[in-house]
Amino acid sequence: MENLILFVNSFLSYLLVFVVSIAVAGVGAFAGYKLRVRKNLKDAQAKEQEQDSDKK
């Protein structure tokens, strides 16, 4: 019975590490996506302003 308790304890410990790792990866992916969207918007606005100034 003691071995089963040790196994479950170890399993839950690794499961917690896995969940935390997935959460950190998810936050990183979300932040990267948001930063990329913001950069694309900024680049599109700069290109639009450049085209407007070329027309004048």
PDB file of N, CA and C in Angstrom:
ATOM      1  N   MET A   1       0.829  -1.200   0.000  1.00  0.00           N
ATOM      2  CA  MET A   1       0.000   0.000   0.000  1.00  0.00           C
ATOM      3  C   MET A   1       0.866   1.253   0.000  1.00  0.00           C
ATOM      4  N   GLU A   2       1.984   1.187   0.703  1.00  0.00           N
ATOM      5  CA  GLU A   2       2.878   2.360   0.763  1.00  0.00           C
ATOM      6  C   GLU A   2       3.448   2.697  -0.611  1.00  0.00           C
ATOM      7  N   ASN A   3       3.738   1.640  -1.405  1.00  0.00           N
ATOM      8  CA  ASN A   3       4.269   1.871  -2.749  1.00  0.00           C
ATOM      9  C   ASN A   3       3.237   2.564  -3.639  1.00  0.00           C
ATOM     10  N   LEU A   4       1.989   2.198  -3.486  1.00  0.00           N
ATOM     11  CA  LEU A   4       0.928   2.829  -4.277  1.00  0.00           C
ATOM     12  C   LEU A   4       0.808   4.305  -3.917  1.00  0.00           C
ATOM     13  N   ILE A   5       0.874   4.621  -2.646  1.00  0.00           N
ATOM     14  CA  ILE A   5       0.796   6.017  -2.209  1.00  0.00           C
ATOM     15  C   ILE A   5       1.978   6.809  -2.753  1.00  0.00           C
ATOM     16  N   LEU A   6       3.172   6.226  -2.722  1.00  0.00           N
ATOM     17  CA  LEU A   6       4.356   6.898  -3.263  1.00  0.00           C
ATOM     18  C   LEU A   6       4.217   7.116  -4.769  1.00  0.00           C
ATOM     19  N   PHE A   7       3.674   6.103  -5.465  1.00  0.00           N
ATOM     20  CA  PHE A   7       3.479   6.224  -6.905  1.00  0.00           C
ATOM     21  C   PHE A   7       2.482   7.328  -7.237  1.00  0.00           C
ATOM     22  N   VAL A   8       1.358   7.350  -6.545  1.00  0.00           N
ATOM     23  CA  VAL A   8       0.332   8.368  -6.788  1.00  0.00           C
ATOM     24  C   VAL A   8       0.882   9.752  -6.472  1.00  0.00           C
ATOM     25  N   ASN A   9       1.629   9.871  -5.409  1.00  0.00           N
ATOM     26  CA  ASN A   9       2.230  11.151  -5.046  1.00  0.00           C
ATOM     27  C   ASN A   9       3.183  11.634  -6.139  1.00  0.00           C
ATOM     28  N   SER A  10       4.015  10.730  -6.620  1.00  0.00           N
ATOM     29  CA  SER A  10       4.958  11.076  -7.681  1.00  0.00           C
ATOM     30  C   SER A  10       4.215  11.441  -8.969  1.00  0.00           C
ATOM     31  N   PHE A  11       3.184  10.650  -9.297  1.00  0.00           N
ATOM     32  CA  PHE A  11       2.400  10.897 -10.504  1.00  0.00           C
ATOM     33  C   PHE A  11       1.742  12.274 -10.457  1.00  0.00           C
ATOM     34  N   LEU A  12       1.130  12.610  -9.336  1.00  0.00           N
ATOM     35  CA  LEU A  12       0.465  13.906  -9.200  1.00  0.00           C
ATOM     36  C   LEU A  12       1.480  15.048  -9.260  1.00  0.00           C
ATOM     37  N   SER A  13       2.662  14.812  -8.730  1.00  0.00           N
ATOM     38  CA  SER A  13       3.707  15.834  -8.789  1.00  0.00           C
ATOM     39  C   SER A  13       4.101  16.120 -10.243  1.00  0.00           C
ATOM     40  N   TYR A  14       4.334  15.055 -11.012  1.00  0.00           N
ATOM     41  CA  TYR A  14       4.684  15.237 -12.425  1.00  0.00           C
ATOM     42  C   TYR A  14       3.514  15.818 -13.217  1.00  0.00           C
ATOM     43  N   LEU A  15       2.303  15.448 -12.863  1.00  0.00           N
ATOM     44  CA  LEU A  15       1.129  15.995 -13.533  1.00  0.00           C
ATOM     45  C   LEU A  15       1.030  17.506 -13.296  1.00  0.00           C
ATOM     46  N   LEU A  16       1.311  17.928 -12.088  1.00  0.00           N
ATOM     47  CA  LEU A  16       1.296  19.357 -11.780  1.00  0.00           C
ATOM     48  C   LEU A  16       2.363  20.101 -12.568  1.00  0.00           C
ATOM     49  N   VAL A  17       3.557  19.538 -12.678  1.00  0.00           N
ATOM     50  CA  VAL A  17       4.630  20.153 -13.470  1.00  0.00           C
ATOM     51  C   VAL A  17       4.209  20.251 -14.935  1.00  0.00           C
ATOM     52  N   PHE A  18       3.560  19.205 -15.447  1.00  0.00           N
ATOM     53  CA  PHE A  18       3.092  19.201 -16.825  1.00  0.00           C
ATOM     54  C   PHE A  18       2.047  20.285 -17.062  1.00  0.00           C
ATOM     55  N   VAL A  19       1.100  20.405 -16.158  1.00  0.00           N
ATOM     56  CA  VAL A  19       0.035  21.411 -16.289  1.00  0.00           C
ATOM     57  C   VAL A  19       0.626  22.823 -16.245  1.00  0.00           C
ATOM     58  N   VAL A  20       1.567  23.052 -15.350  1.00  0.00           N
ATOM     59  CA  VAL A  20       2.198  24.369 -15.263  1.00  0.00           C
ATOM     60  C   VAL A  20       2.976  24.658 -16.542  1.00  0.00           C
ATOM     61  N   SER A  21       3.676  23.670 -17.078  1.00  0.00           N
ATOM     62  CA  SER A  21       4.427  23.855 -18.331  1.00  0.00           C
ATOM     63  C   SER A  21       3.501  24.203 -19.485  1.00  0.00           C
ATOM     64  N   ILE A  22       2.381  23.516 -19.568  1.00  0.00           N
ATOM     65  CA  ILE A  22       1.404  23.793 -20.628  1.00  0.00           C
ATOM     66  C   ILE A  22       0.836  25.205 -20.463  1.00  0.00           C
ATOM     67  N   ALA A  23       0.574  25.604 -19.240  1.00  0.00           N
ATOM     68  CA  ALA A  23       0.037  26.941 -18.993  1.00  0.00           C
ATOM     69  C   ALA A  23       1.049  28.012 -19.409  1.00  0.00           C
ATOM     70  N   VAL A  24       2.318  27.818 -19.088  1.00  0.00           N
ATOM     71  CA  VAL A  24       3.350  28.788 -19.471  1.00  0.00           C
ATOM     72  C   VAL A  24       3.478  28.845 -20.988  1.00  0.00           C
ATOM     73  N   ALA A  25       3.442  27.698 -21.640  1.00  0.00           N
ATOM     74  CA  ALA A  25       3.513  27.672 -23.103  1.00  0.00           C
ATOM     75  C   ALA A  25       2.294  28.366 -23.716  1.00  0.00           C
ATOM     76  N   GLY A  26       1.125  28.163 -23.140  1.00  0.00           N
ATOM     77  CA  GLY A  26      -0.090  28.810 -23.645  1.00  0.00           C
ATOM     78  C   GLY A  26      -0.025  30.322 -23.514  1.00  0.00           C
ATOM     79  N   VAL A  27       0.462  30.799 -22.378  1.00  0.00           N
ATOM     80  CA  VAL A  27       0.597  32.247 -22.175  1.00  0.00           C
ATOM     81  C   VAL A  27       1.610  32.817 -23.167  1.00  0.00           C
ATOM     82  N   GLY A  28       2.699  32.095 -23.393  1.00  0.00           N
ATOM     83  CA  GLY A  28       3.703  32.555 -24.358  1.00  0.00           C
ATOM     84  C   GLY A  28       3.160  32.617 -25.774  1.00  0.00           C
ATOM     85  N   ALA A  29       2.404  31.609 -26.159  1.00  0.00           N
ATOM     86  CA  ALA A  29       1.811  31.595 -27.503  1.00  0.00           C
ATOM     87  C   ALA A  29       0.800  32.721 -27.654  1.00  0.00           C
ATOM     88  N   PHE A  30      -0.016  32.943 -26.634  1.00  0.00           N
ATOM     89  CA  PHE A  30      -1.008  34.009 -26.686  1.00  0.00           C
ATOM     90  C   PHE A  30      -0.324  35.378 -26.781  1.00  0.00           C
ATOM     91  N   ALA A  31       0.713  35.583 -25.988  1.00  0.00           N
ATOM     92  CA  ALA A  31       1.440  36.860 -26.024  1.00  0.00           C
ATOM     93  C   ALA A  31       2.105  37.065 -27.385  1.00  0.00           C
ATOM     94  N   GLY A  32       2.699  36.014 -27.927  1.00  0.00           N
ATOM     95  CA  GLY A  32       3.323  36.115 -29.248  1.00  0.00           C
ATOM     96  C   GLY A  32       2.316  36.440 -30.330  1.00  0.00           C
ATOM     97  N   TYR A  33       1.150  35.827 -30.268  1.00  0.00           N
ATOM     98  CA  TYR A  33       0.091  36.095 -31.239  1.00  0.00           C
ATOM     99  C   TYR A  33      -0.357  37.553 -31.161  1.00  0.00           C
ATOM    100  N   LYS A  34      -0.589  38.028 -29.927  1.00  0.00           N
ATOM    101  CA  LYS A  34      -1.050  39.410 -29.759  1.00  0.00           C
ATOM    102  C   LYS A  34       0.009  40.402 -30.254  1.00  0.00           C
ATOM    103  N   LEU A  35       1.281  40.143 -29.951  1.00  0.00           N
ATOM    104  CA  LEU A  35       2.342  41.035 -30.408  1.00  0.00           C
ATOM    105  C   LEU A  35       2.441  41.038 -31.924  1.00  0.00           C
ATOM    106  N   ARG A  36       2.266  39.870 -32.553  1.00  0.00           N
ATOM    107  CA  ARG A  36       2.338  39.789 -34.013  1.00  0.00           C
ATOM    108  C   ARG A  36       1.183  40.554 -34.653  1.00  0.00           C
ATOM    109  N   VAL A  37      -0.015  40.410 -34.093  1.00  0.00           N
ATOM    110  CA  VAL A  37      -1.182  41.125 -34.620  1.00  0.00           C
ATOM    111  C   VAL A  37      -0.959  42.631 -34.506  1.00  0.00           C
ATOM    112  N   ARG A  38      -0.429  43.071 -33.366  1.00  0.00           N
ATOM    113  CA  ARG A  38      -0.171  44.494 -33.159  1.00  0.00           C
ATOM    114  C   ARG A  38       0.874  45.010 -34.169  1.00  0.00           C
ATOM    115  N   LYS A  39       1.916  44.212 -34.422  1.00  0.00           N
ATOM    116  CA  LYS A  39       2.949  44.621 -35.383  1.00  0.00           C
ATOM    117  C   LYS A  39       2.384  44.668 -36.801  1.00  0.00           C
ATOM    118  N   ASN A  40       1.559  43.688 -37.164  1.00  0.00           N
ATOM    119  CA  ASN A  40       0.950  43.696 -38.495  1.00  0.00           C
ATOM    120  C   ASN A  40       0.062  44.918 -38.685  1.00  0.00           C
ATOM    121  N   LEU A  41      -0.692  45.282 -37.646  1.00  0.00           N
ATOM    122  CA  LEU A  41      -1.539  46.470 -37.718  1.00  0.00           C
ATOM    123  C   LEU A  41      -0.695  47.728 -37.907  1.00  0.00           C
ATOM    124  N   LYS A  42       0.380  47.816 -37.141  1.00  0.00           N
ATOM    125  CA  LYS A  42       1.267  48.973 -37.216  1.00  0.00           C
ATOM    126  C   LYS A  42       1.913  49.068 -38.605  1.00  0.00           C
ATOM    127  N   ASP A  43       2.346  47.933 -39.145  1.00  0.00           N
ATOM    128  CA  ASP A  43       2.951  47.920 -40.480  1.00  0.00           C
ATOM    129  C   ASP A  43       1.943  48.309 -41.550  1.00  0.00           C
ATOM    130  N   ALA A  44       0.707  47.842 -41.412  1.00  0.00           N
ATOM    131  CA  ALA A  44      -0.331  48.167 -42.391  1.00  0.00           C
ATOM    132  C   ALA A  44      -0.649  49.663 -42.356  1.00  0.00           C
ATOM    133  N   GLN A  45      -0.706  50.246 -41.156  1.00  0.00           N
ATOM    134  CA  GLN A  45      -0.962  51.678 -41.035  1.00  0.00           C
ATOM    135  C   GLN A  45       0.185  52.486 -41.624  1.00  0.00           C
ATOM    136  N   ALA A  46       1.426  52.052 -41.396  1.00  0.00           N
ATOM    137  CA  ALA A  46       2.582  52.759 -41.932  1.00  0.00           C
ATOM    138  C   ALA A  46       2.583  52.691 -43.458  1.00  0.00           C
ATOM    139  N   LYS A  47       2.232  51.526 -44.007  1.00  0.00           N
ATOM    140  CA  LYS A  47       2.181  51.367 -45.454  1.00  0.00           C
ATOM    141  C   LYS A  47       1.081  52.235 -46.045  1.00  0.00           C
ATOM    142  N   GLU A  48      -0.054  52.302 -45.363  1.00  0.00           N
ATOM    143  CA  GLU A  48      -1.176  53.120 -45.830  1.00  0.00           C
ATOM    144  C   GLU A  48      -0.795  54.606 -45.819  1.00  0.00           C
ATOM    145  N   GLN A  49      -0.123  55.042 -44.771  1.00  0.00           N
ATOM    146  CA  GLN A  49       0.305  56.432 -44.690  1.00  0.00           C
ATOM    147  C   GLN A  49       1.342  56.738 -45.772  1.00  0.00           C
ATOM    148  N   GLU A  50       2.205  55.771 -46.049  1.00  0.00           N
ATOM    149  CA  GLU A  50       3.220  55.958 -47.095  1.00  0.00           C
ATOM    150  C   GLU A  50       2.554  56.095 -48.459  1.00  0.00           C
ATOM    151  N   GLN A  51       1.531  55.283 -48.708  1.00  0.00           N
ATOM    152  CA  GLN A  51       0.819  55.356 -49.980  1.00  0.00           C
ATOM    153  C   GLN A  51       0.070  56.672 -50.093  1.00  0.00           C
ATOM    154  N   ASP A  52      -0.506  57.149 -48.994  1.00  0.00           N
ATOM    155  CA  ASP A  52      -1.223  58.424 -49.008  1.00  0.00           C
ATOM    156  C   ASP A  52      -0.267  59.571 -49.294  1.00  0.00           C
ATOM    157  N   SER A  53       0.930  59.520 -48.732  1.00  0.00           N
ATOM    158  CA  SER A  53       1.882  60.609 -48.953  1.00  0.00           C
ATOM    159  C   SER A  53       2.456  60.551 -50.370  1.00  0.00           C
ATOM    160  N   ASP A  54       2.503  59.369 -50.972  1.00  0.00           N
ATOM    161  CA  ASP A  54       2.980  59.247 -52.348  1.00  0.00           C
ATOM    162  C   ASP A  54       1.962  59.805 -53.333  1.00  0.00           C
ATOM    163  N   LYS A  55       0.678  59.769 -53.011  1.00  0.00           N
ATOM    164  CA  LYS A  55      -0.367  60.266 -53.888  1.00  0.00           C
ATOM    165  C   LYS A  55      -0.377  61.786 -53.967  1.00  0.00           C
ATOM    166  N   LYS A  56       0.107  62.414 -52.889  1.00  0.00           N
ATOM    167  CA  LYS A  56       0.046  63.882 -52.848  1.00  0.00           C
ATOM    168  C   LYS A  56       1.153  64.519 -53.623  1.00  0.00           C
TER     169      LYS A  56
END
